[in-house]
């Protein structure tokens, strides 16, 4: 039986949470929220949390804040 795995990007595409936040112009907390929501995959390497650069750049940021009041 052959099991197909979801191919991971090359290891050089892994960036730290801080680098990911800087790339997207968001906070580290927002990156962790996206990880917890399943929108980004996280790897633990070298004692650090890392995410895939290509996924960080491809993620669609949802509008933040409270919705406007309807009049």
PDB file of N, CA and C in Angstrom:
ATOM      1  N   UNK A   1       0.838  -1.186   0.000  1.00  0.00           N
ATOM      2  CA  UNK A   1       0.000   0.000   0.000  1.00  0.00           C
ATOM      3  C   UNK A   1       0.886   1.253   0.000  1.00  0.00           C
ATOM      4  N   UNK A   2       0.615   2.162  -0.884  1.00  0.00           N
ATOM      5  CA  UNK A   2       1.381   3.406  -0.993  1.00  0.00           C
ATOM      6  C   UNK A   2       0.579   4.522  -0.352  1.00  0.00           C
ATOM      7  N   UNK A   3       1.220   5.224   0.558  1.00  0.00           N
ATOM      8  CA  UNK A   3       0.577   6.351   1.234  1.00  0.00           C
ATOM      9  C   UNK A   3       1.172   7.632   0.693  1.00  0.00           C
ATOM     10  N   UNK A   4       0.314   8.486   0.163  1.00  0.00           N
ATOM     11  CA  UNK A   4       0.787   9.775  -0.355  1.00  0.00           C
ATOM     12  C   UNK A   4       0.740  10.792   0.763  1.00  0.00           C
ATOM     13  N   UNK A   5       1.810  11.509   0.915  1.00  0.00           N
ATOM     14  CA  UNK A   5       1.880  12.555   1.936  1.00  0.00           C
ATOM     15  C   UNK A   5       1.736  13.915   1.294  1.00  0.00           C
ATOM     16  N   UNK A   6       1.184  14.815   2.063  1.00  0.00           N
ATOM     17  CA  UNK A   6       1.127  16.197   1.605  1.00  0.00           C
ATOM     18  C   UNK A   6       2.553  16.725   1.605  1.00  0.00           C
ATOM     19  N   UNK A   7       3.012  17.141   0.461  1.00  0.00           N
ATOM     20  CA  UNK A   7       4.405  17.585   0.347  1.00  0.00           C
ATOM     21  C   UNK A   7       4.614  18.898   1.081  1.00  0.00           C
ATOM     22  N   UNK A   8       5.663  18.944   1.873  1.00  0.00           N
ATOM     23  CA  UNK A   8       6.006  20.152   2.614  1.00  0.00           C
ATOM     24  C   UNK A   8       6.977  20.987   1.782  1.00  0.00           C
ATOM     25  N   UNK A   9       6.907  22.303   1.916  1.00  0.00           N
ATOM     26  CA  UNK A   9       7.891  23.154   1.256  1.00  0.00           C
ATOM     27  C   UNK A   9       9.292  22.880   1.804  1.00  0.00           C
ATOM     28  N   UNK A  10      10.287  23.300   1.077  1.00  0.00           N
ATOM     29  CA  UNK A  10      11.674  23.112   1.498  1.00  0.00           C
ATOM     30  C   UNK A  10      11.905  23.763   2.858  1.00  0.00           C
ATOM     31  N   UNK A  11      12.819  23.189   3.618  1.00  0.00           N
ATOM     32  CA  UNK A  11      13.078  23.681   4.970  1.00  0.00           C
ATOM     33  C   UNK A  11      13.534  25.140   4.998  1.00  0.00           C
ATOM     34  N   UNK A  12      14.160  25.599   3.914  1.00  0.00           N
ATOM     35  CA  UNK A  12      14.621  26.988   3.900  1.00  0.00           C
ATOM     36  C   UNK A  12      13.443  27.962   3.817  1.00  0.00           C
ATOM     37  N   UNK A  13      12.233  27.449   3.622  1.00  0.00           N
ATOM     38  CA  UNK A  13      11.066  28.308   3.599  1.00  0.00           C
ATOM     39  C   UNK A  13      10.477  28.506   4.987  1.00  0.00           C
ATOM     40  N   UNK A  14      11.069  27.921   6.006  1.00  0.00           N
ATOM     41  CA  UNK A  14      10.582  28.099   7.368  1.00  0.00           C
ATOM     42  C   UNK A  14      11.085  29.432   7.917  1.00  0.00           C
ATOM     43  N   UNK A  15      10.181  30.182   8.542  1.00  0.00           N
ATOM     44  CA  UNK A  15      10.543  31.466   9.151  1.00  0.00           C
ATOM     45  C   UNK A  15      10.029  31.473  10.578  1.00  0.00           C
ATOM     46  N   UNK A  16      10.633  32.300  11.410  1.00  0.00           N
ATOM     47  CA  UNK A  16      10.184  32.419  12.799  1.00  0.00           C
ATOM     48  C   UNK A  16       8.839  33.144  12.845  1.00  0.00           C
ATOM     49  N   UNK A  17       8.198  33.046  13.986  1.00  0.00           N
ATOM     50  CA  UNK A  17       6.919  33.731  14.184  1.00  0.00           C
ATOM     51  C   UNK A  17       7.111  35.239  14.023  1.00  0.00           C
ATOM     52  N   UNK A  18       8.200  35.772  14.555  1.00  0.00           N
ATOM     53  CA  UNK A  18       8.471  37.214  14.434  1.00  0.00           C
ATOM     54  C   UNK A  18       8.682  37.606  12.978  1.00  0.00           C
ATOM     55  N   UNK A  19       9.444  36.805  12.232  1.00  0.00           N
ATOM     56  CA  UNK A  19       9.663  37.108  10.810  1.00  0.00           C
ATOM     57  C   UNK A  19       8.347  37.060  10.039  1.00  0.00           C
ATOM     58  N   UNK A  20       7.495  36.086  10.366  1.00  0.00           N
ATOM     59  CA  UNK A  20       6.198  35.971   9.707  1.00  0.00           C
ATOM     60  C   UNK A  20       5.344  37.206   9.996  1.00  0.00           C
ATOM     61  N   UNK A  21       5.364  37.651  11.248  1.00  0.00           N
ATOM     62  CA  UNK A  21       4.589  38.837  11.627  1.00  0.00           C
ATOM     63  C   UNK A  21       5.084  40.066  10.870  1.00  0.00           C
ATOM     64  N   UNK A  22       6.379  40.197  10.741  1.00  0.00           N
ATOM     65  CA  UNK A  22       6.956  41.326  10.007  1.00  0.00           C
ATOM     66  C   UNK A  22       6.583  41.263   8.527  1.00  0.00           C
ATOM     67  N   UNK A  23       6.617  40.069   7.947  1.00  0.00           N
ATOM     68  CA  UNK A  23       6.251  39.901   6.532  1.00  0.00           C
ATOM     69  C   UNK A  23       4.818  40.360   6.266  1.00  0.00           C
ATOM     70  N   UNK A  24       3.908  40.042   7.183  1.00  0.00           N
ATOM     71  CA  UNK A  24       2.492  40.349   6.992  1.00  0.00           C
ATOM     72  C   UNK A  24       2.071  41.678   7.594  1.00  0.00           C
ATOM     73  N   UNK A  25       2.947  42.291   8.401  1.00  0.00           N
ATOM     74  CA  UNK A  25       2.579  43.552   9.037  1.00  0.00           C
ATOM     75  C   UNK A  25       1.544  43.367  10.126  1.00  0.00           C
ATOM     76  N   UNK A  26       1.633  42.219  10.825  1.00  0.00           N
ATOM     77  CA  UNK A  26       0.709  41.928  11.920  1.00  0.00           C
ATOM     78  C   UNK A  26       1.536  41.601  13.159  1.00  0.00           C
ATOM     79  N   UNK A  27       0.850  41.344  14.272  1.00  0.00           N
ATOM     80  CA  UNK A  27       1.552  41.007  15.508  1.00  0.00           C
ATOM     81  C   UNK A  27       1.856  39.508  15.558  1.00  0.00           C
ATOM     82  N   UNK A  28       2.762  39.142  16.469  1.00  0.00           N
ATOM     83  CA  UNK A  28       3.069  37.728  16.696  1.00  0.00           C
ATOM     84  C   UNK A  28       1.823  36.996  17.173  1.00  0.00           C
ATOM     85  N   UNK A  29       1.008  37.687  17.965  1.00  0.00           N
ATOM     86  CA  UNK A  29      -0.227  37.095  18.467  1.00  0.00           C
ATOM     87  C   UNK A  29      -1.138  36.684  17.317  1.00  0.00           C
ATOM     88  N   UNK A  30      -1.240  37.526  16.298  1.00  0.00           N
ATOM     89  CA  UNK A  30      -2.081  37.213  15.135  1.00  0.00           C
ATOM     90  C   UNK A  30      -1.551  35.963  14.420  1.00  0.00           C
ATOM     91  N   UNK A  31      -0.236  35.825  14.297  1.00  0.00           N
ATOM     92  CA  UNK A  31       0.333  34.633  13.657  1.00  0.00           C
ATOM     93  C   UNK A  31      -0.053  33.391  14.459  1.00  0.00           C
ATOM     94  N   UNK A  32       0.076  33.461  15.788  1.00  0.00           N
ATOM     95  CA  UNK A  32      -0.317  32.322  16.630  1.00  0.00           C
ATOM     96  C   UNK A  32      -1.810  32.031  16.503  1.00  0.00           C
ATOM     97  N   UNK A  33      -2.646  33.065  16.363  1.00  0.00           N
ATOM     98  CA  UNK A  33      -4.079  32.850  16.171  1.00  0.00           C
ATOM     99  C   UNK A  33      -4.332  32.091  14.874  1.00  0.00           C
ATOM    100  N   UNK A  34      -3.629  32.475  13.806  1.00  0.00           N
ATOM    101  CA  UNK A  34      -3.784  31.783  12.527  1.00  0.00           C
ATOM    102  C   UNK A  34      -3.335  30.329  12.631  1.00  0.00           C
ATOM    103  N   UNK A  35      -2.296  30.070  13.417  1.00  0.00           N
ATOM    104  CA  UNK A  35      -1.852  28.693  13.644  1.00  0.00           C
ATOM    105  C   UNK A  35      -2.946  27.923  14.378  1.00  0.00           C
ATOM    106  N   UNK A  36      -3.493  28.499  15.435  1.00  0.00           N
ATOM    107  CA  UNK A  36      -4.541  27.842  16.221  1.00  0.00           C
ATOM    108  C   UNK A  36      -5.814  27.616  15.417  1.00  0.00           C
ATOM    109  N   UNK A  37      -6.104  28.494  14.462  1.00  0.00           N
ATOM    110  CA  UNK A  37      -7.278  28.351  13.594  1.00  0.00           C
ATOM    111  C   UNK A  37      -7.038  27.333  12.484  1.00  0.00           C
ATOM    112  N   UNK A  38      -5.790  26.882  12.343  1.00  0.00           N
ATOM    113  CA  UNK A  38      -5.471  25.923  11.288  1.00  0.00           C
ATOM    114  C   UNK A  38      -5.173  26.564   9.947  1.00  0.00           C
ATOM    115  N   UNK A  39      -5.013  27.875   9.932  1.00  0.00           N
ATOM    116  CA  UNK A  39      -4.728  28.577   8.682  1.00  0.00           C
ATOM    117  C   UNK A  39      -3.246  28.529   8.320  1.00  0.00           C
ATOM    118  N   UNK A  40      -2.387  28.281   9.317  1.00  0.00           N
ATOM    119  CA  UNK A  40      -0.947  28.130   9.106  1.00  0.00           C
ATOM    120  C   UNK A  40      -0.484  26.862   9.817  1.00  0.00           C
ATOM    121  N   UNK A  41       0.484  26.169   9.209  1.00  0.00           N
ATOM    122  CA  UNK A  41       1.092  25.016   9.872  1.00  0.00           C
ATOM    123  C   UNK A  41       2.318  25.490  10.634  1.00  0.00           C
ATOM    124  N   UNK A  42       2.539  24.915  11.808  1.00  0.00           N
ATOM    125  CA  UNK A  42       3.679  25.279  12.642  1.00  0.00           C
ATOM    126  C   UNK A  42       4.573  24.063  12.813  1.00  0.00           C
ATOM    127  N   UNK A  43       5.874  24.282  12.733  1.00  0.00           N
ATOM    128  CA  UNK A  43       6.871  23.245  12.975  1.00  0.00           C
ATOM    129  C   UNK A  43       7.702  23.669  14.179  1.00  0.00           C
ATOM    130  N   UNK A  44       8.103  22.709  14.969  1.00  0.00           N
ATOM    131  CA  UNK A  44       9.009  22.972  16.096  1.00  0.00           C
ATOM    132  C   UNK A  44      10.384  22.443  15.700  1.00  0.00           C
ATOM    133  N   UNK A  45      11.332  23.334  15.493  1.00  0.00           N
ATOM    134  CA  UNK A  45      12.697  22.947  15.141  1.00  0.00           C
ATOM    135  C   UNK A  45      13.675  23.861  15.859  1.00  0.00           C
ATOM    136  N   UNK A  46      14.770  23.265  16.259  1.00  0.00           N
ATOM    137  CA  UNK A  46      15.835  24.046  16.893  1.00  0.00           C
ATOM    138  C   UNK A  46      15.338  24.778  18.142  1.00  0.00           C
ATOM    139  N   UNK A  47      14.306  24.248  18.781  1.00  0.00           N
ATOM    140  CA  UNK A  47      13.756  24.880  19.974  1.00  0.00           C
ATOM    141  C   UNK A  47      12.939  26.130  19.681  1.00  0.00           C
ATOM    142  N   UNK A  48      12.511  26.290  18.427  1.00  0.00           N
ATOM    143  CA  UNK A  48      11.749  27.476  18.031  1.00  0.00           C
ATOM    144  C   UNK A  48      10.503  27.071  17.272  1.00  0.00           C
ATOM    145  N   UNK A  49       9.506  27.926  17.312  1.00  0.00           N
ATOM    146  CA  UNK A  49       8.297  27.733  16.515  1.00  0.00           C
ATOM    147  C   UNK A  49       8.523  28.390  15.164  1.00  0.00           C
ATOM    148  N   UNK A  50       8.301  27.613  14.106  1.00  0.00           N
ATOM    149  CA  UNK A  50       8.519  28.101  12.750  1.00  0.00           C
ATOM    150  C   UNK A  50       7.273  27.849  11.913  1.00  0.00           C
ATOM    151  N   UNK A  51       7.012  28.735  10.947  1.00  0.00           N
ATOM    152  CA  UNK A  51       5.907  28.575  10.008  1.00  0.00           C
ATOM    153  C   UNK A  51       6.455  28.687   8.595  1.00  0.00           C
ATOM    154  N   UNK A  52       5.660  28.235   7.634  1.00  0.00           N
ATOM    155  CA  UNK A  52       6.101  28.246   6.237  1.00  0.00           C
ATOM    156  C   UNK A  52       5.884  29.612   5.604  1.00  0.00           C
ATOM    157  N   UNK A  53       6.963  30.171   5.077  1.00  0.00           N
ATOM    158  CA  UNK A  53       6.941  31.491   4.457  1.00  0.00           C
ATOM    159  C   UNK A  53       5.882  31.580   3.362  1.00  0.00           C
ATOM    160  N   UNK A  54       5.811  30.565   2.506  1.00  0.00           N
ATOM    161  CA  UNK A  54       4.853  30.591   1.398  1.00  0.00           C
ATOM    162  C   UNK A  54       3.414  30.657   1.907  1.00  0.00           C
ATOM    163  N   UNK A  55       3.124  29.977   3.017  1.00  0.00           N
ATOM    164  CA  UNK A  55       1.782  30.021   3.595  1.00  0.00           C
ATOM    165  C   UNK A  55       1.490  31.382   4.207  1.00  0.00           C
ATOM    166  N   UNK A  56       2.498  31.970   4.839  1.00  0.00           N
ATOM    167  CA  UNK A  56       2.327  33.303   5.445  1.00  0.00           C
ATOM    168  C   UNK A  56       2.001  34.322   4.365  1.00  0.00           C
ATOM    169  N   UNK A  57       2.703  34.241   3.246  1.00  0.00           N
ATOM    170  CA  UNK A  57       2.480  35.203   2.171  1.00  0.00           C
ATOM    171  C   UNK A  57       1.160  34.960   1.451  1.00  0.00           C
ATOM    172  N   UNK A  58       0.682  33.716   1.456  1.00  0.00           N
ATOM    173  CA  UNK A  58      -0.537  33.377   0.728  1.00  0.00           C
ATOM    174  C   UNK A  58      -1.809  33.578   1.545  1.00  0.00           C
ATOM    175  N   UNK A  59      -1.684  33.692   2.858  1.00  0.00           N
ATOM    176  CA  UNK A  59      -2.873  33.772   3.712  1.00  0.00           C
ATOM    177  C   UNK A  59      -3.625  35.072   3.458  1.00  0.00           C
ATOM    178  N   UNK A  60      -4.938  34.955   3.419  1.00  0.00           N
ATOM    179  CA  UNK A  60      -5.786  36.126   3.238  1.00  0.00           C
ATOM    180  C   UNK A  60      -6.144  36.668   4.610  1.00  0.00           C
ATOM    181  N   UNK A  61      -5.758  37.870   4.877  1.00  0.00           N
ATOM    182  CA  UNK A  61      -6.080  38.485   6.162  1.00  0.00           C
ATOM    183  C   UNK A  61      -7.557  38.870   6.166  1.00  0.00           C
ATOM    184  N   UNK A  62      -8.233  38.500   7.223  1.00  0.00           N
ATOM    185  CA  UNK A  62      -9.632  38.875   7.372  1.00  0.00           C
ATOM    186  C   UNK A  62      -9.707  40.268   7.989  1.00  0.00           C
ATOM    187  N   UNK A  63     -10.760  41.011   7.679  1.00  0.00           N
ATOM    188  CA  UNK A  63     -10.873  42.343   8.269  1.00  0.00           C
ATOM    189  C   UNK A  63     -10.960  42.240   9.789  1.00  0.00           C
ATOM    190  N   UNK A  64     -10.256  43.092  10.474  1.00  0.00           N
ATOM    191  CA  UNK A  64     -10.245  43.043  11.932  1.00  0.00           C
ATOM    192  C   UNK A  64     -11.185  44.058  12.535  1.00  0.00           C
ATOM    193  N   UNK A  65     -11.319  43.985  13.828  1.00  0.00           N
ATOM    194  CA  UNK A  65     -12.120  44.965  14.544  1.00  0.00           C
ATOM    195  C   UNK A  65     -13.591  44.651  14.545  1.00  0.00           C
ATOM    196  N   UNK A  66     -14.310  45.526  15.168  1.00  0.00           N
ATOM    197  CA  UNK A  66     -15.744  45.376  15.309  1.00  0.00           C
ATOM    198  C   UNK A  66     -16.436  45.869  14.037  1.00  0.00           C
ATOM    199  N   UNK A  67     -17.505  45.198  13.610  1.00  0.00           N
ATOM    200  CA  UNK A  67     -18.239  45.671  12.423  1.00  0.00           C
ATOM    201  C   UNK A  67     -18.889  47.038  12.676  1.00  0.00           C
ATOM    202  N   UNK A  68     -19.085  47.800  11.627  1.00  0.00           N
ATOM    203  CA  UNK A  68     -19.742  49.106  11.747  1.00  0.00           C
ATOM    204  C   UNK A  68     -21.203  48.924  12.137  1.00  0.00           C
ATOM    205  N   UNK A  69     -21.721  49.899  12.867  1.00  0.00           N
ATOM    206  CA  UNK A  69     -23.145  49.878  13.229  1.00  0.00           C
ATOM    207  C   UNK A  69     -23.991  50.169  12.005  1.00  0.00           C
ATOM    208  N   UNK A  70     -25.076  49.451  11.880  1.00  0.00           N
ATOM    209  CA  UNK A  70     -26.038  49.744  10.803  1.00  0.00           C
ATOM    210  C   UNK A  70     -26.941  50.880  11.261  1.00  0.00           C
ATOM    211  N   UNK A  71     -27.282  51.765  10.344  1.00  0.00           N
ATOM    212  CA  UNK A  71     -28.135  52.883  10.729  1.00  0.00           C
ATOM    213  C   UNK A  71     -29.533  52.687  10.267  1.00  0.00           C
TER     214      UNK A  71
END
